[in-house]
Amino acid sequence: MTREEMENMSVEDAFQKIDLMINELSGDIPLEKSFELYKDGIELLKCCNEKIERVEQQIMIINEEGDLDEFQ
């Protein structure tokens, strides 16, 4: 899976893909395949983390005076 494919994937889809990878890793698979799945899973998690951080930076809350403040 390329980085571009990961970035185009929604966070929800990425978590589903990670879940499938975990299930596959739980089975009897060759060592090389397990390393590949592990590496792809870590990259997907990094991509999800970056997306979540970007959203957190954009979230605004309304303070008591009715003005917008950044969510912390």
C-alpha atoms as a PDB file:
ATOM      1  CA  MET A   1       0.000   0.000   0.000  1.00  0.00           C
ATOM      2  CA  THR A   2       1.433   3.358  -1.007  1.00  0.00           C
ATOM      3  CA  ARG A   3       1.506   6.454   1.178  1.00  0.00           C
ATOM      4  CA  GLU A   4      -0.856   8.161  -1.292  1.00  0.00           C
ATOM      5  CA  GLU A   5      -3.395   5.329  -0.938  1.00  0.00           C
ATOM      6  CA  MET A   6      -3.152   5.621   2.842  1.00  0.00           C
ATOM      7  CA  GLU A   7      -3.694   9.373   2.782  1.00  0.00           C
ATOM      8  CA  ASN A   8      -6.736   9.013   0.520  1.00  0.00           C
ATOM      9  CA  MET A   9      -8.279   6.496   2.908  1.00  0.00           C
ATOM     10  CA  SER A  10     -10.642   7.713   5.623  1.00  0.00           C
ATOM     11  CA  VAL A  11      -9.611   7.152   9.224  1.00  0.00           C
ATOM     12  CA  GLU A  12     -12.494   4.715   9.646  1.00  0.00           C
ATOM     13  CA  ASP A  13     -11.425   2.710   6.584  1.00  0.00           C
ATOM     14  CA  ALA A  14      -7.825   2.715   7.784  1.00  0.00           C
ATOM     15  CA  PHE A  15      -8.867   1.348  11.186  1.00  0.00           C
ATOM     16  CA  GLN A  16     -10.866  -1.391   9.462  1.00  0.00           C
ATOM     17  CA  LYS A  17      -7.824  -2.247   7.344  1.00  0.00           C
ATOM     18  CA  ILE A  18      -5.645  -2.349  10.468  1.00  0.00           C
ATOM     19  CA  ASP A  19      -8.166  -4.674  12.123  1.00  0.00           C
ATOM     20  CA  LEU A  20      -7.980  -7.009   9.121  1.00  0.00           C
ATOM     21  CA  MET A  21      -4.189  -6.918   9.299  1.00  0.00           C
ATOM     22  CA  ILE A  22      -4.264  -7.839  12.993  1.00  0.00           C
ATOM     23  CA  ASN A  23      -6.566 -10.772  12.241  1.00  0.00           C
ATOM     24  CA  GLU A  24      -4.259 -11.913   9.457  1.00  0.00           C
ATOM     25  CA  LEU A  25      -1.216 -11.585  11.737  1.00  0.00           C
ATOM     26  CA  SER A  26      -2.980 -13.809  14.259  1.00  0.00           C
ATOM     27  CA  GLY A  27      -3.050 -16.627  11.724  1.00  0.00           C
ATOM     28  CA  ASP A  28      -0.378 -18.886  10.341  1.00  0.00           C
ATOM     29  CA  ILE A  29       1.434 -16.741   7.763  1.00  0.00           C
ATOM     30  CA  PRO A  30       5.017 -16.635   6.510  1.00  0.00           C
ATOM     31  CA  LEU A  31       7.442 -14.436   8.433  1.00  0.00           C
ATOM     32  CA  GLU A  32       8.039 -12.137   5.457  1.00  0.00           C
ATOM     33  CA  LYS A  33       4.310 -11.518   5.104  1.00  0.00           C
ATOM     34  CA  SER A  34       3.993 -10.757   8.817  1.00  0.00           C
ATOM     35  CA  PHE A  35       6.788  -8.162   8.563  1.00  0.00           C
ATOM     36  CA  GLU A  36       5.075  -6.581   5.562  1.00  0.00           C
ATOM     37  CA  LEU A  37       1.712  -6.432   7.356  1.00  0.00           C
ATOM     38  CA  TYR A  38       3.331  -5.021  10.491  1.00  0.00           C
ATOM     39  CA  LYS A  39       5.149  -2.312   8.504  1.00  0.00           C
ATOM     40  CA  ASP A  40       1.986  -1.361   6.592  1.00  0.00           C
ATOM     41  CA  GLY A  41      -0.015  -1.305   9.836  1.00  0.00           C
ATOM     42  CA  ILE A  42       2.468   1.050  11.491  1.00  0.00           C
ATOM     43  CA  GLU A  43       2.385   3.353   8.455  1.00  0.00           C
ATOM     44  CA  LEU A  44      -1.426   3.360   8.499  1.00  0.00           C
ATOM     45  CA  LEU A  45      -1.421   4.233  12.199  1.00  0.00           C
ATOM     46  CA  LYS A  46       1.003   7.106  11.565  1.00  0.00           C
ATOM     47  CA  CYS A  47      -1.209   8.387   8.755  1.00  0.00           C
ATOM     48  CA  CYS A  48      -4.305   8.175  10.992  1.00  0.00           C
ATOM     49  CA  ASN A  49      -2.500   9.998  13.769  1.00  0.00           C
ATOM     50  CA  GLU A  50      -1.526  12.824  11.390  1.00  0.00           C
ATOM     51  CA  LYS A  51      -5.123  13.141  10.162  1.00  0.00           C
ATOM     52  CA  ILE A  52      -6.498  13.211  13.701  1.00  0.00           C
ATOM     53  CA  GLU A  53      -3.960  15.848  14.746  1.00  0.00           C
ATOM     54  CA  ARG A  54      -4.937  18.042  11.771  1.00  0.00           C
ATOM     55  CA  VAL A  55      -8.599  17.813  12.743  1.00  0.00           C
ATOM     56  CA  GLU A  56      -7.827  18.586  16.392  1.00  0.00           C
ATOM     57  CA  GLN A  57      -6.016  21.732  15.298  1.00  0.00           C
ATOM     58  CA  GLN A  58      -9.086  22.873  13.368  1.00  0.00           C
ATOM     59  CA  ILE A  59     -11.689  22.254  16.049  1.00  0.00           C
ATOM     60  CA  MET A  60     -13.039  25.412  17.596  1.00  0.00           C
ATOM     61  CA  ILE A  61     -15.186  25.785  20.692  1.00  0.00           C
ATOM     62  CA  ILE A  62     -17.487  28.580  21.749  1.00  0.00           C
ATOM     63  CA  ASN A  63     -16.419  30.294  24.968  1.00  0.00           C
ATOM     64  CA  GLU A  64     -18.710  31.940  27.533  1.00  0.00           C
ATOM     65  CA  GLU A  65     -18.714  35.230  25.592  1.00  0.00           C
ATOM     66  CA  GLY A  66     -19.818  33.506  22.395  1.00  0.00           C
ATOM     67  CA  ASP A  67     -16.422  33.868  20.716  1.00  0.00           C
ATOM     68  CA  LEU A  68     -14.557  30.991  19.112  1.00  0.00           C
ATOM     69  CA  ASP A  69     -11.452  29.574  20.755  1.00  0.00           C
ATOM     70  CA  GLU A  70      -9.208  26.767  19.597  1.00  0.00           C
ATOM     71  CA  PHE A  71      -9.935  23.417  21.195  1.00  0.00           C
ATOM     72  CA  GLN A  72      -7.181  22.304  23.586  1.00  0.00           C
END
